[in-house]
């Protein structure tokens, strides 16, 4: 059971880091130590919320929202999934 959770955590971590990298690569947001701390300490919902705030405040590519959607889906956050999916259009 522990291995299953670790696998899901790794996937969530990957999606959140991908979203952060999209921001960094587009020079929207490149340094947020608190966000990096949330991700590295598996505080995924806090990281997701922080990324959402940054995304809403900037003109981000739909790939950013797709990464947040994938993370929210793995986290079983249905309301967030719907919101991020609508931002992908």
PDB file of N, CA and C in Angstrom:
ATOM      1  N   UNK A   1       0.824  -1.192   0.000  1.00  0.00           N
ATOM      2  CA  UNK A   1       0.000   0.000   0.000  1.00  0.00           C
ATOM      3  C   UNK A   1       0.868   1.257   0.000  1.00  0.00           C
ATOM      4  N   UNK A   2       1.942   1.232   0.783  1.00  0.00           N
ATOM      5  CA  UNK A   2       2.827   2.387   0.863  1.00  0.00           C
ATOM      6  C   UNK A   2       3.434   2.688  -0.502  1.00  0.00           C
ATOM      7  N   UNK A   3       3.778   1.638  -1.241  1.00  0.00           N
ATOM      8  CA  UNK A   3       4.373   1.815  -2.579  1.00  0.00           C
ATOM      9  C   UNK A   3       3.389   2.508  -3.521  1.00  0.00           C
ATOM     10  N   UNK A   4       2.090   2.164  -3.411  1.00  0.00           N
ATOM     11  CA  UNK A   4       1.070   2.795  -4.265  1.00  0.00           C
ATOM     12  C   UNK A   4       0.999   4.297  -3.987  1.00  0.00           C
ATOM     13  N   UNK A   5       1.001   4.679  -2.717  1.00  0.00           N
ATOM     14  CA  UNK A   5       0.956   6.099  -2.360  1.00  0.00           C
ATOM     15  C   UNK A   5       2.199   6.831  -2.850  1.00  0.00           C
ATOM     16  N   UNK A   6       3.342   6.206  -2.705  1.00  0.00           N
ATOM     17  CA  UNK A   6       4.585   6.836  -3.156  1.00  0.00           C
ATOM     18  C   UNK A   6       4.568   7.054  -4.663  1.00  0.00           C
ATOM     19  N   UNK A   7       3.997   6.114  -5.381  1.00  0.00           N
ATOM     20  CA  UNK A   7       3.894   6.245  -6.834  1.00  0.00           C
ATOM     21  C   UNK A   7       2.989   7.423  -7.214  1.00  0.00           C
ATOM     22  N   UNK A   8       1.867   7.538  -6.531  1.00  0.00           N
ATOM     23  CA  UNK A   8       0.944   8.652  -6.778  1.00  0.00           C
ATOM     24  C   UNK A   8       1.601   9.970  -6.390  1.00  0.00           C
ATOM     25  N   UNK A   9       2.290   9.996  -5.260  1.00  0.00           N
ATOM     26  CA  UNK A   9       2.979  11.221  -4.827  1.00  0.00           C
ATOM     27  C   UNK A   9       4.014  11.660  -5.856  1.00  0.00           C
ATOM     28  N   UNK A  10       4.755  10.694  -6.400  1.00  0.00           N
ATOM     29  CA  UNK A  10       5.759  11.039  -7.416  1.00  0.00           C
ATOM     30  C   UNK A  10       5.104  11.658  -8.644  1.00  0.00           C
ATOM     31  N   UNK A  11       3.960  11.110  -9.041  1.00  0.00           N
ATOM     32  CA  UNK A  11       3.244  11.643 -10.208  1.00  0.00           C
ATOM     33  C   UNK A  11       2.731  13.057  -9.931  1.00  0.00           C
ATOM     34  N   UNK A  12       2.158  13.256  -8.751  1.00  0.00           N
ATOM     35  CA  UNK A  12       1.667  14.587  -8.378  1.00  0.00           C
ATOM     36  C   UNK A  12       2.833  15.569  -8.358  1.00  0.00           C
ATOM     37  N   UNK A  13       3.928  15.160  -7.749  1.00  0.00           N
ATOM     38  CA  UNK A  13       5.124  15.989  -7.679  1.00  0.00           C
ATOM     39  C   UNK A  13       5.583  16.374  -9.084  1.00  0.00           C
ATOM     40  N   UNK A  14       5.574  15.426  -9.988  1.00  0.00           N
ATOM     41  CA  UNK A  14       5.986  15.687 -11.369  1.00  0.00           C
ATOM     42  C   UNK A  14       5.081  16.718 -12.027  1.00  0.00           C
ATOM     43  N   UNK A  15       3.769  16.583 -11.869  1.00  0.00           N
ATOM     44  CA  UNK A  15       2.834  17.527 -12.494  1.00  0.00           C
ATOM     45  C   UNK A  15       2.980  18.935 -11.913  1.00  0.00           C
ATOM     46  N   UNK A  16       3.169  19.020 -10.611  1.00  0.00           N
ATOM     47  CA  UNK A  16       3.341  20.343  -9.995  1.00  0.00           C
ATOM     48  C   UNK A  16       4.658  20.983 -10.434  1.00  0.00           C
ATOM     49  N   UNK A  17       5.707  20.193 -10.496  1.00  0.00           N
ATOM     50  CA  UNK A  17       6.986  20.724 -10.984  1.00  0.00           C
ATOM     51  C   UNK A  17       6.909  21.113 -12.450  1.00  0.00           C
ATOM     52  N   UNK A  18       6.175  20.341 -13.245  1.00  0.00           N
ATOM     53  CA  UNK A  18       5.993  20.698 -14.656  1.00  0.00           C
ATOM     54  C   UNK A  18       5.291  22.047 -14.782  1.00  0.00           C
ATOM     55  N   UNK A  19       4.259  22.260 -13.972  1.00  0.00           N
ATOM     56  CA  UNK A  19       3.537  23.538 -14.000  1.00  0.00           C
ATOM     57  C   UNK A  19       4.468  24.674 -13.595  1.00  0.00           C
ATOM     58  N   UNK A  20       5.248  24.450 -12.551  1.00  0.00           N
ATOM     59  CA  UNK A  20       6.200  25.478 -12.115  1.00  0.00           C
ATOM     60  C   UNK A  20       7.214  25.776 -13.215  1.00  0.00           C
ATOM     61  N   UNK A  21       7.692  24.729 -13.878  1.00  0.00           N
ATOM     62  CA  UNK A  21       8.667  24.911 -14.956  1.00  0.00           C
ATOM     63  C   UNK A  21       8.084  25.668 -16.142  1.00  0.00           C
ATOM     64  N   UNK A  22       6.808  25.465 -16.414  1.00  0.00           N
ATOM     65  CA  UNK A  22       6.152  26.228 -17.479  1.00  0.00           C
ATOM     66  C   UNK A  22       6.189  27.714 -17.141  1.00  0.00           C
ATOM     67  N   UNK A  23       5.924  28.040 -15.881  1.00  0.00           N
ATOM     68  CA  UNK A  23       5.996  29.443 -15.453  1.00  0.00           C
ATOM     69  C   UNK A  23       7.418  29.973 -15.604  1.00  0.00           C
ATOM     70  N   UNK A  24       8.380  29.195 -15.147  1.00  0.00           N
ATOM     71  CA  UNK A  24       9.783  29.613 -15.206  1.00  0.00           C
ATOM     72  C   UNK A  24      10.266  29.779 -16.636  1.00  0.00           C
ATOM     73  N   UNK A  25       9.925  28.824 -17.487  1.00  0.00           N
ATOM     74  CA  UNK A  25      10.374  28.863 -18.883  1.00  0.00           C
ATOM     75  C   UNK A  25       9.791  30.048 -19.641  1.00  0.00           C
ATOM     76  N   UNK A  26       8.614  30.492 -19.233  1.00  0.00           N
ATOM     77  CA  UNK A  26       7.979  31.635 -19.883  1.00  0.00           C
ATOM     78  C   UNK A  26       8.255  32.933 -19.144  1.00  0.00           C
ATOM     79  N   UNK A  27       9.195  32.875 -18.225  1.00  0.00           N
ATOM     80  CA  UNK A  27       9.639  34.044 -17.465  1.00  0.00           C
ATOM     81  C   UNK A  27       8.489  34.744 -16.726  1.00  0.00           C
ATOM     82  N   UNK A  28       7.467  33.973 -16.389  1.00  0.00           N
ATOM     83  CA  UNK A  28       6.347  34.514 -15.627  1.00  0.00           C
ATOM     84  C   UNK A  28       6.695  34.515 -14.143  1.00  0.00           C
ATOM     85  N   UNK A  29       7.281  33.440 -13.725  1.00  0.00           N
ATOM     86  CA  UNK A  29       7.559  33.291 -12.300  1.00  0.00           C
ATOM     87  C   UNK A  29       8.698  32.308 -12.162  1.00  0.00           C
ATOM     88  N   UNK A  30       9.804  32.738 -11.606  1.00  0.00           N
ATOM     89  CA  UNK A  30      10.947  31.835 -11.575  1.00  0.00           C
ATOM     90  C   UNK A  30      11.474  31.528 -10.177  1.00  0.00           C
ATOM     91  N   UNK A  31      11.058  32.303  -9.190  1.00  0.00           N
ATOM     92  CA  UNK A  31      11.616  32.075  -7.864  1.00  0.00           C
ATOM     93  C   UNK A  31      10.538  32.198  -6.806  1.00  0.00           C
ATOM     94  N   UNK A  32      10.211  31.104  -6.217  1.00  0.00           N
ATOM     95  CA  UNK A  32       9.257  31.096  -5.116  1.00  0.00           C
ATOM     96  C   UNK A  32       9.698  29.986  -4.177  1.00  0.00           C
ATOM     97  N   UNK A  33      10.498  30.343  -3.207  1.00  0.00           N
ATOM     98  CA  UNK A  33      11.057  29.352  -2.295  1.00  0.00           C
ATOM     99  C   UNK A  33       9.965  28.634  -1.504  1.00  0.00           C
ATOM    100  N   UNK A  34       8.908  29.363  -1.158  1.00  0.00           N
ATOM    101  CA  UNK A  34       7.832  28.731  -0.405  1.00  0.00           C
ATOM    102  C   UNK A  34       7.137  27.668  -1.251  1.00  0.00           C
ATOM    103  N   UNK A  35       6.901  27.973  -2.512  1.00  0.00           N
ATOM    104  CA  UNK A  35       6.284  27.009  -3.412  1.00  0.00           C
ATOM    105  C   UNK A  35       7.172  25.780  -3.572  1.00  0.00           C
ATOM    106  N   UNK A  36       8.454  25.996  -3.778  1.00  0.00           N
ATOM    107  CA  UNK A  36       9.395  24.876  -3.908  1.00  0.00           C
ATOM    108  C   UNK A  36       9.406  24.031  -2.634  1.00  0.00           C
ATOM    109  N   UNK A  37       9.296  24.693  -1.494  1.00  0.00           N
ATOM    110  CA  UNK A  37       9.255  23.983  -0.209  1.00  0.00           C
ATOM    111  C   UNK A  37       7.993  23.130  -0.106  1.00  0.00           C
ATOM    112  N   UNK A  38       6.850  23.689  -0.504  1.00  0.00           N
ATOM    113  CA  UNK A  38       5.604  22.920  -0.475  1.00  0.00           C
ATOM    114  C   UNK A  38       5.739  21.645  -1.300  1.00  0.00           C
ATOM    115  N   UNK A  39       6.280  21.783  -2.496  1.00  0.00           N
ATOM    116  CA  UNK A  39       6.399  20.623  -3.382  1.00  0.00           C
ATOM    117  C   UNK A  39       7.375  19.602  -2.789  1.00  0.00           C
ATOM    118  N   UNK A  40       8.519  20.061  -2.333  1.00  0.00           N
ATOM    119  CA  UNK A  40       9.529  19.127  -1.825  1.00  0.00           C
ATOM    120  C   UNK A  40       9.106  18.425  -0.537  1.00  0.00           C
ATOM    121  N   UNK A  41       8.191  19.053   0.221  1.00  0.00           N
ATOM    122  CA  UNK A  41       7.701  18.448   1.462  1.00  0.00           C
ATOM    123  C   UNK A  41       6.341  17.769   1.298  1.00  0.00           C
ATOM    124  N   UNK A  42       5.957  17.530   0.054  1.00  0.00           N
ATOM    125  CA  UNK A  42       4.693  16.854  -0.257  1.00  0.00           C
ATOM    126  C   UNK A  42       3.463  17.589   0.272  1.00  0.00           C
ATOM    127  N   UNK A  43       3.560  18.894   0.362  1.00  0.00           N
ATOM    128  CA  UNK A  43       2.410  19.734   0.724  1.00  0.00           C
ATOM    129  C   UNK A  43       1.718  20.119  -0.583  1.00  0.00           C
ATOM    130  N   UNK A  44       1.174  19.104  -1.229  1.00  0.00           N
ATOM    131  CA  UNK A  44       0.720  19.263  -2.600  1.00  0.00           C
ATOM    132  C   UNK A  44      -0.479  20.189  -2.754  1.00  0.00           C
ATOM    133  N   UNK A  45      -1.405  20.152  -1.831  1.00  0.00           N
ATOM    134  CA  UNK A  45      -2.570  21.031  -1.969  1.00  0.00           C
ATOM    135  C   UNK A  45      -2.170  22.498  -1.789  1.00  0.00           C
ATOM    136  N   UNK A  46      -1.241  22.765  -0.887  1.00  0.00           N
ATOM    137  CA  UNK A  46      -0.739  24.136  -0.731  1.00  0.00           C
ATOM    138  C   UNK A  46      -0.010  24.585  -2.001  1.00  0.00           C
ATOM    139  N   UNK A  47       0.780  23.690  -2.574  1.00  0.00           N
ATOM    140  CA  UNK A  47       1.493  24.012  -3.822  1.00  0.00           C
ATOM    141  C   UNK A  47       0.504  24.251  -4.954  1.00  0.00           C
ATOM    142  N   UNK A  48      -0.515  23.424  -5.025  1.00  0.00           N
ATOM    143  CA  UNK A  48      -1.538  23.571  -6.057  1.00  0.00           C
ATOM    144  C   UNK A  48      -2.238  24.923  -5.936  1.00  0.00           C
ATOM    145  N   UNK A  49      -2.619  25.290  -4.719  1.00  0.00           N
ATOM    146  CA  UNK A  49      -3.277  26.573  -4.485  1.00  0.00           C
ATOM    147  C   UNK A  49      -2.370  27.741  -4.879  1.00  0.00           C
ATOM    148  N   UNK A  50      -1.096  27.641  -4.532  1.00  0.00           N
ATOM    149  CA  UNK A  50      -0.139  28.714  -4.861  1.00  0.00           C
ATOM    150  C   UNK A  50       0.037  28.844  -6.372  1.00  0.00           C
ATOM    151  N   UNK A  51       0.169  27.703  -7.050  1.00  0.00           N
ATOM    152  CA  UNK A  51       0.295  27.732  -8.506  1.00  0.00           C
ATOM    153  C   UNK A  51      -0.964  28.312  -9.153  1.00  0.00           C
ATOM    154  N   UNK A  52      -2.116  27.962  -8.613  1.00  0.00           N
ATOM    155  CA  UNK A  52      -3.381  28.492  -9.135  1.00  0.00           C
ATOM    156  C   UNK A  52      -3.416  30.014  -9.022  1.00  0.00           C
ATOM    157  N   UNK A  53      -3.012  30.538  -7.889  1.00  0.00           N
ATOM    158  CA  UNK A  53      -2.992  31.992  -7.691  1.00  0.00           C
ATOM    159  C   UNK A  53      -2.076  32.652  -8.712  1.00  0.00           C
ATOM    160  N   UNK A  54      -0.901  32.081  -8.905  1.00  0.00           N
ATOM    161  CA  UNK A  54       0.051  32.630  -9.869  1.00  0.00           C
ATOM    162  C   UNK A  54      -0.518  32.544 -11.285  1.00  0.00           C
ATOM    163  N   UNK A  55      -1.124  31.418 -11.608  1.00  0.00           N
ATOM    164  CA  UNK A  55      -1.719  31.235 -12.935  1.00  0.00           C
ATOM    165  C   UNK A  55      -2.849  32.210 -13.206  1.00  0.00           C
ATOM    166  N   UNK A  56      -3.684  32.434 -12.201  1.00  0.00           N
ATOM    167  CA  UNK A  56      -4.802  33.367 -12.369  1.00  0.00           C
ATOM    168  C   UNK A  56      -4.338  34.809 -12.521  1.00  0.00           C
ATOM    169  N   UNK A  57      -3.180  35.121 -11.966  1.00  0.00           N
ATOM    170  CA  UNK A  57      -2.659  36.494 -12.023  1.00  0.00           C
ATOM    171  C   UNK A  57      -1.859  36.768 -13.296  1.00  0.00           C
ATOM    172  N   UNK A  58      -1.639  35.729 -14.099  1.00  0.00           N
ATOM    173  CA  UNK A  58      -0.814  35.866 -15.300  1.00  0.00           C
ATOM    174  C   UNK A  58      -1.481  35.182 -16.483  1.00  0.00           C
ATOM    175  N   UNK A  59      -1.038  35.538 -17.639  1.00  0.00           N
ATOM    176  CA  UNK A  59      -1.512  34.894 -18.861  1.00  0.00           C
ATOM    177  C   UNK A  59      -0.659  33.651 -19.099  1.00  0.00           C
ATOM    178  N   UNK A  60      -1.147  32.496 -18.660  1.00  0.00           N
ATOM    179  CA  UNK A  60      -0.364  31.270 -18.756  1.00  0.00           C
ATOM    180  C   UNK A  60      -0.890  30.379 -19.883  1.00  0.00           C
ATOM    181  N   UNK A  61      -0.014  29.551 -20.384  1.00  0.00           N
ATOM    182  CA  UNK A  61      -0.332  28.620 -21.456  1.00  0.00           C
ATOM    183  C   UNK A  61      -1.278  27.542 -20.932  1.00  0.00           C
ATOM    184  N   UNK A  62      -2.107  27.002 -21.795  1.00  0.00           N
ATOM    185  CA  UNK A  62      -3.058  25.980 -21.364  1.00  0.00           C
ATOM    186  C   UNK A  62      -2.369  24.721 -20.833  1.00  0.00           C
ATOM    187  N   UNK A  63      -1.120  24.491 -21.237  1.00  0.00           N
ATOM    188  CA  UNK A  63      -0.372  23.340 -20.709  1.00  0.00           C
ATOM    189  C   UNK A  63      -0.184  23.453 -19.194  1.00  0.00           C
ATOM    190  N   UNK A  64      -0.055  24.667 -18.707  1.00  0.00           N
ATOM    191  CA  UNK A  64       0.053  24.903 -17.264  1.00  0.00           C
ATOM    192  C   UNK A  64      -1.187  24.357 -16.560  1.00  0.00           C
ATOM    193  N   UNK A  65      -2.363  24.732 -17.097  1.00  0.00           N
ATOM    194  CA  UNK A  65      -3.618  24.291 -16.487  1.00  0.00           C
ATOM    195  C   UNK A  65      -3.807  22.789 -16.631  1.00  0.00           C
ATOM    196  N   UNK A  66      -3.310  22.205 -17.705  1.00  0.00           N
ATOM    197  CA  UNK A  66      -3.393  20.745 -17.876  1.00  0.00           C
ATOM    198  C   UNK A  66      -2.589  20.032 -16.793  1.00  0.00           C
ATOM    199  N   UNK A  67      -1.429  20.578 -16.470  1.00  0.00           N
ATOM    200  CA  UNK A  67      -0.616  19.972 -15.409  1.00  0.00           C
ATOM    201  C   UNK A  67      -1.321  20.077 -14.062  1.00  0.00           C
ATOM    202  N   UNK A  68      -1.930  21.238 -13.790  1.00  0.00           N
ATOM    203  CA  UNK A  68      -2.677  21.373 -12.533  1.00  0.00           C
ATOM    204  C   UNK A  68      -3.875  20.428 -12.507  1.00  0.00           C
ATOM    205  N   UNK A  69      -4.534  20.275 -13.656  1.00  0.00           N
ATOM    206  CA  UNK A  69      -5.669  19.348 -13.751  1.00  0.00           C
ATOM    207  C   UNK A  69      -5.220  17.925 -13.424  1.00  0.00           C
ATOM    208  N   UNK A  70      -4.107  17.493 -14.000  1.00  0.00           N
ATOM    209  CA  UNK A  70      -3.609  16.130 -13.765  1.00  0.00           C
ATOM    210  C   UNK A  70      -3.269  15.927 -12.287  1.00  0.00           C
ATOM    211  N   UNK A  71      -2.666  16.921 -11.672  1.00  0.00           N
ATOM    212  CA  UNK A  71      -2.347  16.827 -10.240  1.00  0.00           C
ATOM    213  C   UNK A  71      -3.634  16.760  -9.411  1.00  0.00           C
ATOM    214  N   UNK A  72      -4.587  17.625  -9.728  1.00  0.00           N
ATOM    215  CA  UNK A  72      -5.853  17.641  -8.990  1.00  0.00           C
ATOM    216  C   UNK A  72      -6.611  16.323  -9.147  1.00  0.00           C
ATOM    217  N   UNK A  73      -6.522  15.742 -10.321  1.00  0.00           N
ATOM    218  CA  UNK A  73      -7.194  14.456 -10.557  1.00  0.00           C
ATOM    219  C   UNK A  73      -6.583  13.371  -9.679  1.00  0.00           C
ATOM    220  N   UNK A  74      -5.264  13.324  -9.614  1.00  0.00           N
ATOM    221  CA  UNK A  74      -4.601  12.342  -8.757  1.00  0.00           C
ATOM    222  C   UNK A  74      -4.906  12.588  -7.280  1.00  0.00           C
ATOM    223  N   UNK A  75      -5.129  13.851  -6.928  1.00  0.00           N
ATOM    224  CA  UNK A  75      -5.433  14.214  -5.549  1.00  0.00           C
ATOM    225  C   UNK A  75      -6.925  14.084  -5.240  1.00  0.00           C
ATOM    226  N   UNK A  76      -7.705  13.762  -6.273  1.00  0.00           N
ATOM    227  CA  UNK A  76      -9.158  13.589  -6.152  1.00  0.00           C
ATOM    228  C   UNK A  76      -9.869  14.860  -5.688  1.00  0.00           C
ATOM    229  N   UNK A  77      -9.406  15.997  -6.221  1.00  0.00           N
ATOM    230  CA  UNK A  77     -10.005  17.298  -5.926  1.00  0.00           C
ATOM    231  C   UNK A  77     -10.918  17.679  -7.093  1.00  0.00           C
ATOM    232  N   UNK A  78     -12.156  17.210  -7.039  1.00  0.00           N
ATOM    233  CA  UNK A  78     -13.073  17.337  -8.173  1.00  0.00           C
ATOM    234  C   UNK A  78     -13.361  18.783  -8.565  1.00  0.00           C
ATOM    235  N   UNK A  79     -13.575  19.660  -7.592  1.00  0.00           N
ATOM    236  CA  UNK A  79     -13.867  21.061  -7.931  1.00  0.00           C
ATOM    237  C   UNK A  79     -12.688  21.709  -8.650  1.00  0.00           C
ATOM    238  N   UNK A  80     -11.493  21.408  -8.185  1.00  0.00           N
ATOM    239  CA  UNK A  80     -10.293  21.940  -8.823  1.00  0.00           C
ATOM    240  C   UNK A  80     -10.155  21.382 -10.237  1.00  0.00           C
ATOM    241  N   UNK A  81     -10.453  20.100 -10.408  1.00  0.00           N
ATOM    242  CA  UNK A  81     -10.370  19.476 -11.731  1.00  0.00           C
ATOM    243  C   UNK A  81     -11.240  20.223 -12.733  1.00  0.00           C
ATOM    244  N   UNK A  82     -12.474  20.497 -12.345  1.00  0.00           N
ATOM    245  CA  UNK A  82     -13.409  21.193 -13.238  1.00  0.00           C
ATOM    246  C   UNK A  82     -12.888  22.588 -13.584  1.00  0.00           C
ATOM    247  N   UNK A  83     -12.398  23.278 -12.591  1.00  0.00           N
ATOM    248  CA  UNK A  83     -11.888  24.637 -12.797  1.00  0.00           C
ATOM    249  C   UNK A  83     -10.705  24.620 -13.757  1.00  0.00           C
ATOM    250  N   UNK A  84      -9.754  23.724 -13.539  1.00  0.00           N
ATOM    251  CA  UNK A  84      -8.558  23.686 -14.363  1.00  0.00           C
ATOM    252  C   UNK A  84      -8.876  23.214 -15.773  1.00  0.00           C
ATOM    253  N   UNK A  85      -9.811  22.295 -15.883  1.00  0.00           N
ATOM    254  CA  UNK A  85     -10.213  21.812 -17.201  1.00  0.00           C
ATOM    255  C   UNK A  85     -10.838  22.946 -18.014  1.00  0.00           C
ATOM    256  N   UNK A  86     -11.642  23.781 -17.363  1.00  0.00           N
ATOM    257  CA  UNK A  86     -12.256  24.905 -18.072  1.00  0.00           C
ATOM    258  C   UNK A  86     -11.193  25.930 -18.496  1.00  0.00           C
ATOM    259  N   UNK A  87     -10.101  26.031 -17.748  1.00  0.00           N
ATOM    260  CA  UNK A  87      -9.008  26.941 -18.117  1.00  0.00           C
ATOM    261  C   UNK A  87      -8.165  26.414 -19.276  1.00  0.00           C
ATOM    262  N   UNK A  88      -8.304  25.125 -19.576  1.00  0.00           N
ATOM    263  CA  UNK A  88      -7.534  24.523 -20.684  1.00  0.00           C
ATOM    264  C   UNK A  88      -8.123  24.845 -22.049  1.00  0.00           C
ATOM    265  N   UNK A  89      -9.332  25.356 -22.068  1.00  0.00           N
ATOM    266  CA  UNK A  89     -10.024  25.595 -23.352  1.00  0.00           C
ATOM    267  C   UNK A  89      -9.634  26.921 -23.953  1.00  0.00           C
TER     268      UNK A  89
END
